[in-house]
Amino acid sequence: MLTVYLYYHKINQGDGMNREIRIPKQNRSIEKKNKIIDAAYKIFNAKGYHNTTTAEIAKEAGIATGSVYAYFKDKKDIFIEALFKYNDIILEIIMKEFNQINLEEDLSNVIKTMVNVLIDCHNLSKNFHDEIMSLSFLEQDIHTKLKIQNQKIINTILTQLESKNILIQNSREKMFLILNVADSLCHELSYSSNYSLNKDIAINECVYMIKSLLLH
């Protein structure tokens, strides 16, 4: 009989009892945990965090509710893993587009392409993005995890640029500013129901700001 090996860590449930949480190492257990994350991502995007129950996530994943608590300590723990999944999807899209760009073409066109990719990414899962931003203001641990994910994006982009022999002075500081400027524009264009910005003009001005910062 195949023996499945799992690692565990203990958490305190607040009632003096410790509950063991699995850290899966075997493929079957990893797949089960990923099913839970995929189901949570789908339901959080459809219904929001507060309107979703762990039982609904379990049902969507096709597993018993008790099995969810074998891998996650609570609903927020599942949400954080779904946040990681969301950011990985966005990062994959960004890197795929980035690697297809001919960096020998005009820098403004390269930047404009990436800004439009970011806008598309923000339209990918609007509701889930709203939940992330709302909870990041209310929950310190989610705020911290979000900052770590944003830093991961910055590090990945810088690594890609360096691999193409593109070196930027004060690169981390500039990339931080660039991503925040682009992110603010994306929020306004994607989530504001009554904005007064001309989309094309706003994008062109954003491109100009980013290009000026990179060349400074």
Protein backbone atom coordinates (compact mmCIF):
# COMPACT_ATOMS: atom_id res chain seq x y z
CA MET A 1 0.00 0.00 0.00
CA LEU A 2 1.32 3.45 -0.93
CA THR A 3 2.20 5.46 2.13
CA VAL A 4 1.51 9.19 1.85
CA TYR A 5 3.95 11.33 3.79
CA LEU A 6 2.80 14.73 4.98
CA TYR A 7 4.45 17.40 7.08
CA TYR A 8 2.43 19.12 9.79
CA HIS A 9 2.53 22.27 11.86
CA LYS A 10 0.32 23.06 14.81
CA ILE A 11 -1.92 26.07 15.31
CA ASN A 12 -3.82 27.17 18.36
CA GLN A 13 -7.57 27.44 17.79
CA GLY A 14 -8.13 29.79 20.70
CA ASP A 15 -9.72 27.13 22.88
CA GLY A 16 -6.49 25.70 24.22
CA MET A 17 -6.49 22.96 21.57
CA ASN A 18 -3.87 22.56 18.90
CA ARG A 19 -4.89 21.51 15.40
CA GLU A 20 -2.45 20.04 12.93
CA ILE A 21 -2.24 21.69 9.51
CA ARG A 22 -0.86 19.64 6.65
CA ILE A 23 1.94 20.89 4.43
CA PRO A 24 1.52 18.46 1.52
CA LYS A 25 4.50 16.89 -0.19
CA GLN A 26 2.86 14.12 -2.20
CA ASN A 27 1.19 14.96 -5.54
CA ARG A 28 -2.27 13.82 -4.43
CA SER A 29 -2.25 16.08 -1.38
CA ILE A 30 -0.81 18.99 -3.35
CA GLU A 31 -3.57 18.60 -5.93
CA LYS A 32 -6.23 18.59 -3.22
CA LYS A 33 -4.88 21.77 -1.67
CA ASN A 34 -4.72 23.42 -5.11
CA LYS A 35 -8.33 22.45 -5.75
CA ILE A 36 -9.31 24.28 -2.58
CA ILE A 37 -7.34 27.38 -3.64
CA ASP A 38 -8.83 27.32 -7.16
CA ALA A 39 -12.36 26.96 -5.78
CA ALA A 40 -11.78 29.78 -3.29
CA TYR A 41 -10.41 32.09 -5.97
CA LYS A 42 -13.51 31.45 -8.11
CA ILE A 43 -16.02 32.03 -5.29
CA PHE A 44 -14.22 35.00 -3.73
CA ASN A 45 -14.27 36.66 -7.16
CA ALA A 46 -17.97 35.91 -7.60
CA LYS A 47 -19.31 36.60 -4.08
CA GLY A 48 -16.61 38.41 -2.14
CA TYR A 49 -14.75 37.38 0.99
CA HIS A 50 -17.41 38.07 3.62
CA ASN A 51 -20.21 36.44 1.61
CA THR A 52 -18.25 33.21 1.11
CA THR A 53 -18.21 30.32 3.56
CA THR A 54 -15.66 27.58 3.96
CA ALA A 55 -18.40 25.03 3.29
CA GLU A 56 -19.07 26.64 -0.11
CA ILE A 57 -15.38 26.48 -0.96
CA ALA A 58 -15.27 22.81 0.00
CA LYS A 59 -18.35 22.04 -2.09
CA GLU A 60 -16.89 23.81 -5.13
CA ALA A 61 -13.63 21.89 -4.67
CA GLY A 62 -15.55 18.62 -4.36
CA ILE A 63 -14.17 17.72 -0.95
CA ALA A 64 -15.45 17.49 2.61
CA THR A 65 -15.38 20.67 4.69
CA GLY A 66 -13.19 18.96 7.25
CA SER A 67 -10.57 18.39 4.59
CA VAL A 68 -10.26 22.16 4.09
CA TYR A 69 -9.24 22.57 7.72
CA ALA A 70 -6.59 19.91 7.24
CA TYR A 71 -4.73 22.32 4.93
CA PHE A 72 -5.82 25.78 6.13
CA LYS A 73 -6.37 27.21 9.58
CA ASP A 74 -9.29 29.46 8.54
CA LYS A 75 -10.97 31.29 5.66
CA LYS A 76 -8.46 34.14 5.75
CA ASP A 77 -5.65 31.64 5.37
CA ILE A 78 -7.36 30.38 2.20
CA PHE A 79 -7.83 33.95 0.96
CA ILE A 80 -4.12 34.65 1.30
CA GLU A 81 -3.31 31.59 -0.81
CA ALA A 82 -5.85 32.76 -3.39
CA LEU A 83 -4.10 36.15 -3.37
CA PHE A 84 -0.84 34.38 -4.22
CA LYS A 85 -2.59 32.58 -7.08
CA TYR A 86 -4.02 35.85 -8.42
CA ASN A 87 -0.63 37.57 -8.34
CA ASP A 88 1.04 34.59 -10.03
CA ILE A 89 -1.53 34.78 -12.84
CA ILE A 90 -0.84 38.49 -13.31
CA LEU A 91 2.92 37.99 -13.18
CA GLU A 92 2.72 35.22 -15.77
CA ILE A 93 0.74 37.47 -18.13
CA ILE A 94 3.17 40.36 -17.65
CA MET A 95 6.25 38.19 -18.24
CA LYS A 96 4.74 36.48 -21.27
CA GLU A 97 4.04 39.84 -22.90
CA PHE A 98 7.36 41.29 -21.79
CA ASN A 99 9.31 38.44 -23.37
CA GLN A 100 7.51 38.98 -26.68
CA ILE A 101 8.42 42.65 -26.89
CA ASN A 102 11.19 43.70 -29.24
CA LEU A 103 13.22 45.95 -26.97
CA GLU A 104 14.90 47.52 -29.99
CA GLU A 105 11.72 49.34 -30.92
CA ASP A 106 10.85 52.77 -29.56
CA LEU A 107 10.88 52.84 -25.77
CA SER A 108 7.58 54.70 -25.61
CA ASN A 109 5.86 51.92 -27.54
CA VAL A 110 7.37 49.29 -25.24
CA ILE A 111 6.14 51.13 -22.14
CA LYS A 112 2.71 51.72 -23.65
CA THR A 113 2.37 48.01 -24.42
CA MET A 114 3.17 47.12 -20.81
CA VAL A 115 0.75 49.73 -19.41
CA ASN A 116 -2.04 48.28 -21.54
CA VAL A 117 -1.13 44.79 -20.32
CA LEU A 118 -1.44 46.01 -16.73
CA ILE A 119 -4.87 47.48 -17.52
CA ASP A 120 -5.96 44.12 -18.97
CA CYS A 121 -4.66 42.35 -15.84
CA HIS A 122 -6.72 44.63 -13.61
CA ASN A 123 -9.82 43.70 -15.61
CA LEU A 124 -9.06 39.99 -15.13
CA SER A 125 -10.78 39.58 -11.75
CA LYS A 126 -12.22 42.92 -10.70
CA ASN A 127 -14.20 41.69 -7.72
CA PHE A 128 -11.33 39.71 -6.26
CA HIS A 129 -8.99 42.67 -6.73
CA ASP A 130 -11.45 44.86 -4.82
CA GLU A 131 -11.52 42.31 -2.01
CA ILE A 132 -7.72 42.27 -1.83
CA MET A 133 -7.49 46.05 -1.62
CA SER A 134 -10.29 46.34 0.96
CA LEU A 135 -8.94 43.62 3.23
CA SER A 136 -5.38 44.94 2.95
CA PHE A 137 -6.56 48.07 4.78
CA LEU A 138 -8.31 46.06 7.48
CA GLU A 139 -6.01 43.07 7.98
CA GLN A 140 -2.32 43.69 8.66
CA ASP A 141 -1.24 40.21 7.63
CA ILE A 142 -2.98 40.53 4.26
CA HIS A 143 -1.40 43.96 3.83
CA THR A 144 2.02 42.44 4.52
CA LYS A 145 1.46 39.55 2.11
CA LEU A 146 0.34 41.99 -0.61
CA LYS A 147 3.52 44.05 -0.17
CA ILE A 148 5.60 40.88 -0.48
CA GLN A 149 3.79 39.95 -3.70
CA ASN A 150 4.32 43.43 -5.15
CA GLN A 151 8.02 43.17 -4.33
CA LYS A 152 8.07 39.82 -6.10
CA ILE A 153 6.77 41.52 -9.25
CA ILE A 154 9.42 44.23 -8.97
CA ASN A 155 12.20 41.67 -8.49
CA THR A 156 11.02 39.58 -11.44
CA ILE A 157 10.85 42.57 -13.79
CA LEU A 158 14.30 43.77 -12.71
CA THR A 159 15.73 40.30 -13.27
CA GLN A 160 14.24 40.23 -16.76
CA LEU A 161 15.64 43.67 -17.56
CA GLU A 162 19.10 42.72 -16.31
CA SER A 163 19.04 39.53 -18.40
CA LYS A 164 18.61 41.77 -21.43
CA ASN A 165 21.47 44.02 -20.30
CA ILE A 166 19.10 46.85 -19.39
CA LEU A 167 20.50 48.48 -16.26
CA ILE A 168 18.56 51.22 -14.48
CA GLN A 169 20.11 53.58 -11.95
CA ASN A 170 18.28 53.43 -8.58
CA SER A 171 16.29 50.62 -10.16
CA ARG A 172 14.27 49.46 -7.13
CA GLU A 173 13.15 52.94 -6.19
CA LYS A 174 12.25 53.79 -9.77
CA MET A 175 10.42 50.50 -10.32
CA PHE A 176 8.45 51.07 -7.12
CA LEU A 177 7.34 54.51 -8.37
CA ILE A 178 6.62 53.23 -11.88
CA LEU A 179 4.41 50.38 -10.68
CA ASN A 180 2.51 52.65 -8.31
CA VAL A 181 1.89 55.27 -11.01
CA ALA A 182 0.77 52.62 -13.49
CA ASP A 183 -1.32 50.87 -10.83
CA SER A 184 -3.12 54.11 -9.90
CA LEU A 185 -3.97 54.71 -13.55
CA CYS A 186 -5.21 51.15 -13.95
CA HIS A 187 -7.46 51.52 -10.90
CA GLU A 188 -8.96 54.71 -12.24
CA LEU A 189 -9.58 53.32 -15.72
CA SER A 190 -10.77 49.89 -14.59
CA TYR A 191 -12.72 50.50 -11.39
CA SER A 192 -13.98 54.07 -11.37
CA SER A 193 -17.57 54.20 -12.60
CA ASN A 194 -17.54 57.94 -13.24
CA TYR A 195 -14.08 59.17 -14.13
CA SER A 196 -13.40 62.29 -16.19
CA LEU A 197 -10.11 61.14 -17.67
CA ASN A 198 -9.56 60.70 -21.38
CA LYS A 199 -8.18 57.16 -21.47
CA ASP A 200 -5.80 57.63 -24.40
CA ILE A 201 -4.42 60.91 -23.08
CA ALA A 202 -3.99 59.47 -19.58
CA ILE A 203 -2.09 56.45 -20.90
CA ASN A 204 0.16 58.62 -23.08
CA GLU A 205 0.96 60.92 -20.15
CA CYS A 206 1.69 57.89 -17.95
CA VAL A 207 4.05 56.56 -20.62
CA TYR A 208 5.82 59.93 -20.78
CA MET A 209 6.29 59.99 -16.99
CA ILE A 210 7.67 56.46 -16.91
CA LYS A 211 10.01 57.06 -19.84
CA SER A 212 11.33 60.26 -18.24
CA LEU A 213 11.98 58.44 -14.97
CA LEU A 214 13.81 55.57 -16.68
CA LEU A 215 16.03 57.88 -18.72
CA HIS A 216 16.87 60.22 -15.85
